[in-house]
Amino acid sequence: MAQIFEKTGDHVSHHRHGDILKSPVWVGVLFVLLTMPAHLFLDEKSSIALASITLALIGGAYIGFGAADGRARVFWAELAVALLFGSAAFLGLIWHWAFLPLGLALHALWDMSHHNSYRLARIPNWYIPFCVAFDLLAATFFVLLYAVF
């Protein structure tokens, strides 16, 4: 992970303590730590339902980015892909939980495909590393929760 630096005069100083929350990756980690424990208190069926809703909402975020972008082609592309993530969420709910971590891992790839992309929706710079961290950690959590424990 990249360290956060601030240029002060002729030297570089490292940020400490509260500044770590300015790193989008660490904010993604924090969101996982704050949200995933709820699944530990739910029965498996309810946990899968919550995970399904989470995946559908995460996939749908790009619809807003597509609309804000202003290009109709980009909006429709983002909507189509969001529907694929919604389908993975639905399949995870009605068929097998494995579609949920798979959908989250694929969403991390979708996030990364927006990096320096001119064909896809314009995304705030902080959003991609935040979402990749959240997606991959949440996917790992669900595999551990449903397959191992």
C-alpha atoms as a PDB file:
ATOM      1  CA  MET A   1       0.000   0.000   0.000  1.00  0.00           C
ATOM      2  CA  ALA A   2       1.163   3.451  -0.793  1.00  0.00           C
ATOM      3  CA  GLN A   3       2.171   5.665   2.056  1.00  0.00           C
ATOM      4  CA  ILE A   4       0.731   9.129   2.381  1.00  0.00           C
ATOM      5  CA  PHE A   5       3.289  11.917   2.223  1.00  0.00           C
ATOM      6  CA  GLU A   6       3.115  15.640   2.533  1.00  0.00           C
ATOM      7  CA  LYS A   7       5.780  17.898   1.167  1.00  0.00           C
ATOM      8  CA  THR A   8       6.880  20.454   3.747  1.00  0.00           C
ATOM      9  CA  GLY A   9       9.665  22.725   2.600  1.00  0.00           C
ATOM     10  CA  ASP A  10      12.544  20.682   1.242  1.00  0.00           C
ATOM     11  CA  HIS A  11      11.742  17.450   3.036  1.00  0.00           C
ATOM     12  CA  VAL A  12       8.958  14.908   3.113  1.00  0.00           C
ATOM     13  CA  SER A  13       7.116  14.116   6.346  1.00  0.00           C
ATOM     14  CA  HIS A  14       4.958  11.070   7.071  1.00  0.00           C
ATOM     15  CA  HIS A  15       1.356  11.530   8.198  1.00  0.00           C
ATOM     16  CA  ARG A  16       0.394   9.866  11.466  1.00  0.00           C
ATOM     17  CA  HIS A  17      -2.664   8.648  13.416  1.00  0.00           C
ATOM     18  CA  GLY A  18      -5.927  10.218  12.179  1.00  0.00           C
ATOM     19  CA  ASP A  19      -4.480  10.866   8.735  1.00  0.00           C
ATOM     20  CA  ILE A  20      -4.688   7.168   7.951  1.00  0.00           C
ATOM     21  CA  LEU A  21      -8.435   7.692   7.457  1.00  0.00           C
ATOM     22  CA  LYS A  22      -7.593   9.941   4.525  1.00  0.00           C
ATOM     23  CA  SER A  23      -6.418   6.840   2.658  1.00  0.00           C
ATOM     24  CA  PRO A  24      -9.308   5.382   0.644  1.00  0.00           C
ATOM     25  CA  VAL A  25      -7.988   1.830   1.098  1.00  0.00           C
ATOM     26  CA  TRP A  26      -8.030   2.177   4.873  1.00  0.00           C
ATOM     27  CA  VAL A  27     -11.525   3.663   4.758  1.00  0.00           C
ATOM     28  CA  GLY A  28     -12.602   0.597   2.753  1.00  0.00           C
ATOM     29  CA  VAL A  29     -11.038  -1.653   5.398  1.00  0.00           C
ATOM     30  CA  LEU A  30     -12.805   0.321   8.124  1.00  0.00           C
ATOM     31  CA  PHE A  31     -16.171  -0.048   6.355  1.00  0.00           C
ATOM     32  CA  VAL A  32     -15.674  -3.817   6.199  1.00  0.00           C
ATOM     33  CA  LEU A  33     -14.789  -3.916   9.895  1.00  0.00           C
ATOM     34  CA  LEU A  34     -17.888  -1.869  10.736  1.00  0.00           C
ATOM     35  CA  THR A  35     -20.414  -3.645   8.506  1.00  0.00           C
ATOM     36  CA  MET A  36     -19.435  -7.307   8.243  1.00  0.00           C
ATOM     37  CA  PRO A  37     -19.798  -8.204  11.948  1.00  0.00           C
ATOM     38  CA  ALA A  38     -23.577  -7.749  11.590  1.00  0.00           C
ATOM     39  CA  HIS A  39     -23.552 -10.997   9.604  1.00  0.00           C
ATOM     40  CA  LEU A  40     -22.195 -12.851  12.631  1.00  0.00           C
ATOM     41  CA  PHE A  41     -25.426 -12.143  14.519  1.00  0.00           C
ATOM     42  CA  LEU A  42     -27.777 -13.218  11.723  1.00  0.00           C
ATOM     43  CA  ASP A  43     -28.872 -16.669  10.701  1.00  0.00           C
ATOM     44  CA  GLU A  44     -27.407 -17.766   7.356  1.00  0.00           C
ATOM     45  CA  LYS A  45     -30.543 -17.017   5.333  1.00  0.00           C
ATOM     46  CA  SER A  46     -30.790 -13.462   6.691  1.00  0.00           C
ATOM     47  CA  SER A  47     -27.058 -12.905   6.251  1.00  0.00           C
ATOM     48  CA  ILE A  48     -27.270 -13.995   2.616  1.00  0.00           C
ATOM     49  CA  ALA A  49     -30.221 -11.646   2.094  1.00  0.00           C
ATOM     50  CA  LEU A  50     -28.233  -8.741   3.572  1.00  0.00           C
ATOM     51  CA  ALA A  51     -25.181  -9.621   1.476  1.00  0.00           C
ATOM     52  CA  SER A  52     -27.386  -9.763  -1.614  1.00  0.00           C
ATOM     53  CA  ILE A  53     -28.784  -6.304  -0.928  1.00  0.00           C
ATOM     54  CA  THR A  54     -25.244  -5.017  -0.330  1.00  0.00           C
ATOM     55  CA  LEU A  55     -24.004  -6.371  -3.668  1.00  0.00           C
ATOM     56  CA  ALA A  56     -26.998  -4.933  -5.527  1.00  0.00           C
ATOM     57  CA  LEU A  57     -26.434  -1.494  -3.972  1.00  0.00           C
ATOM     58  CA  ILE A  58     -22.706  -1.555  -4.659  1.00  0.00           C
ATOM     59  CA  GLY A  59     -23.336  -2.502  -8.283  1.00  0.00           C
ATOM     60  CA  GLY A  60     -25.938   0.229  -8.589  1.00  0.00           C
ATOM     61  CA  ALA A  61     -23.557   2.989  -7.496  1.00  0.00           C
ATOM     62  CA  TYR A  62     -22.202   3.206 -11.004  1.00  0.00           C
ATOM     63  CA  ILE A  63     -25.631   4.102 -12.366  1.00  0.00           C
ATOM     64  CA  GLY A  64     -25.289   7.434 -10.582  1.00  0.00           C
ATOM     65  CA  PHE A  65     -21.753   7.912 -11.866  1.00  0.00           C
ATOM     66  CA  GLY A  66     -22.987   7.110 -15.377  1.00  0.00           C
ATOM     67  CA  ALA A  67     -25.818   9.638 -15.088  1.00  0.00           C
ATOM     68  CA  ALA A  68     -23.470  12.300 -13.721  1.00  0.00           C
ATOM     69  CA  ASP A  69     -21.029  11.667 -16.567  1.00  0.00           C
ATOM     70  CA  GLY A  70     -23.518  13.094 -19.060  1.00  0.00           C
ATOM     71  CA  ARG A  71     -22.768  10.740 -21.964  1.00  0.00           C
ATOM     72  CA  ALA A  72     -25.796   8.574 -22.836  1.00  0.00           C
ATOM     73  CA  ARG A  73     -23.632   5.669 -24.039  1.00  0.00           C
ATOM     74  CA  VAL A  74     -21.759   5.646 -20.726  1.00  0.00           C
ATOM     75  CA  PHE A  75     -24.992   5.768 -18.713  1.00  0.00           C
ATOM     76  CA  TRP A  76     -26.457   2.771 -20.579  1.00  0.00           C
ATOM     77  CA  ALA A  77     -23.219   0.801 -20.235  1.00  0.00           C
ATOM     78  CA  GLU A  78     -23.078   1.451 -16.494  1.00  0.00           C
ATOM     79  CA  LEU A  79     -26.757   0.538 -16.132  1.00  0.00           C
ATOM     80  CA  ALA A  80     -26.248  -2.721 -18.038  1.00  0.00           C
ATOM     81  CA  VAL A  81     -23.312  -3.755 -15.870  1.00  0.00           C
ATOM     82  CA  ALA A  82     -25.189  -2.757 -12.709  1.00  0.00           C
ATOM     83  CA  LEU A  83     -27.981  -5.094 -13.826  1.00  0.00           C
ATOM     84  CA  LEU A  84     -25.416  -7.900 -14.080  1.00  0.00           C
ATOM     85  CA  PHE A  85     -24.358  -7.263 -10.484  1.00  0.00           C
ATOM     86  CA  GLY A  86     -28.029  -7.163  -9.502  1.00  0.00           C
ATOM     87  CA  SER A  87     -28.451 -10.530 -11.218  1.00  0.00           C
ATOM     88  CA  ALA A  88     -25.497 -11.962  -9.281  1.00  0.00           C
ATOM     89  CA  ALA A  89     -27.091 -10.655  -6.077  1.00  0.00           C
ATOM     90  CA  PHE A  90     -30.407 -12.270  -6.999  1.00  0.00           C
ATOM     91  CA  LEU A  91     -28.748 -15.586  -7.884  1.00  0.00           C
ATOM     92  CA  GLY A  92     -26.866 -15.483  -4.579  1.00  0.00           C
ATOM     93  CA  LEU A  93     -30.171 -15.033  -2.817  1.00  0.00           C
ATOM     94  CA  ILE A  94     -32.215 -17.698  -4.579  1.00  0.00           C
ATOM     95  CA  TRP A  95     -29.673 -20.239  -5.809  1.00  0.00           C
ATOM     96  CA  HIS A  96     -26.247 -20.302  -4.120  1.00  0.00           C
ATOM     97  CA  TRP A  97     -24.374 -17.920  -1.839  1.00  0.00           C
ATOM     98  CA  ALA A  98     -21.196 -18.264  -3.965  1.00  0.00           C
ATOM     99  CA  PHE A  99     -22.595 -15.709  -6.429  1.00  0.00           C
ATOM    100  CA  LEU A 100     -22.213 -13.051  -3.727  1.00  0.00           C
ATOM    101  CA  PRO A 101     -18.426 -13.168  -3.206  1.00  0.00           C
ATOM    102  CA  LEU A 102     -18.001 -13.823  -6.930  1.00  0.00           C
ATOM    103  CA  GLY A 103     -20.044 -10.706  -7.691  1.00  0.00           C
ATOM    104  CA  LEU A 104     -18.011  -8.664  -5.214  1.00  0.00           C
ATOM    105  CA  ALA A 105     -14.705  -9.873  -6.687  1.00  0.00           C
ATOM    106  CA  LEU A 106     -15.929  -9.066 -10.197  1.00  0.00           C
ATOM    107  CA  HIS A 107     -17.044  -5.666  -8.972  1.00  0.00           C
ATOM    108  CA  ALA A 108     -13.487  -5.009  -7.794  1.00  0.00           C
ATOM    109  CA  LEU A 109     -12.364  -5.696 -11.366  1.00  0.00           C
ATOM    110  CA  TRP A 110     -15.087  -3.348 -12.642  1.00  0.00           C
ATOM    111  CA  ASP A 111     -13.787  -0.688 -10.246  1.00  0.00           C
ATOM    112  CA  MET A 112     -10.263  -1.113 -11.563  1.00  0.00           C
ATOM    113  CA  SER A 113     -11.456  -0.910 -15.163  1.00  0.00           C
ATOM    114  CA  HIS A 114     -12.515   2.679 -14.455  1.00  0.00           C
ATOM    115  CA  HIS A 115      -8.982   3.742 -13.551  1.00  0.00           C
ATOM    116  CA  ASN A 116      -7.815   6.256 -16.163  1.00  0.00           C
ATOM    117  CA  SER A 117     -10.694   5.241 -18.422  1.00  0.00           C
ATOM    118  CA  TYR A 118     -12.184   7.614 -20.940  1.00  0.00           C
ATOM    119  CA  ARG A 119     -14.796   5.147 -22.159  1.00  0.00           C
ATOM    120  CA  LEU A 120     -16.472   4.506 -18.816  1.00  0.00           C
ATOM    121  CA  ALA A 121     -18.034   6.846 -16.277  1.00  0.00           C
ATOM    122  CA  ARG A 122     -15.766   9.332 -14.609  1.00  0.00           C
ATOM    123  CA  ILE A 123     -15.212   8.215 -11.020  1.00  0.00           C
ATOM    124  CA  PRO A 124     -13.698  10.245  -8.157  1.00  0.00           C
ATOM    125  CA  ASN A 125     -10.060   9.206  -7.656  1.00  0.00           C
ATOM    126  CA  TRP A 126     -10.646   8.059  -4.073  1.00  0.00           C
ATOM    127  CA  TYR A 127     -13.596   5.814  -4.962  1.00  0.00           C
ATOM    128  CA  ILE A 128     -11.726   3.119  -6.863  1.00  0.00           C
ATOM    129  CA  PRO A 129      -9.202   2.088  -4.156  1.00  0.00           C
ATOM    130  CA  PHE A 130     -11.898   2.418  -1.472  1.00  0.00           C
ATOM    131  CA  CYS A 131     -14.300   0.164  -3.347  1.00  0.00           C
ATOM    132  CA  VAL A 132     -11.672  -2.387  -4.408  1.00  0.00           C
ATOM    133  CA  ALA A 133     -10.577  -2.792  -0.777  1.00  0.00           C
ATOM    134  CA  PHE A 134     -14.158  -3.133   0.430  1.00  0.00           C
ATOM    135  CA  ASP A 135     -15.192  -5.534  -2.353  1.00  0.00           C
ATOM    136  CA  LEU A 136     -12.253  -7.915  -1.962  1.00  0.00           C
ATOM    137  CA  LEU A 137     -12.351  -7.983   1.834  1.00  0.00           C
ATOM    138  CA  ALA A 138     -16.126  -8.460   1.906  1.00  0.00           C
ATOM    139  CA  ALA A 139     -15.861 -11.265  -0.679  1.00  0.00           C
ATOM    140  CA  THR A 140     -13.220 -12.981   1.448  1.00  0.00           C
ATOM    141  CA  PHE A 141     -15.360 -12.531   4.555  1.00  0.00           C
ATOM    142  CA  PHE A 142     -18.375 -14.166   2.891  1.00  0.00           C
ATOM    143  CA  VAL A 143     -16.357 -17.143   1.653  1.00  0.00           C
ATOM    144  CA  LEU A 144     -14.990 -17.660   5.142  1.00  0.00           C
ATOM    145  CA  LEU A 145     -18.382 -17.167   6.759  1.00  0.00           C
ATOM    146  CA  TYR A 146     -20.436 -19.448   4.488  1.00  0.00           C
ATOM    147  CA  ALA A 147     -17.877 -22.064   3.430  1.00  0.00           C
ATOM    148  CA  VAL A 148     -15.538 -22.394   6.395  1.00  0.00           C
ATOM    149  CA  PHE A 149     -17.483 -21.565   9.548  1.00  0.00           C
END
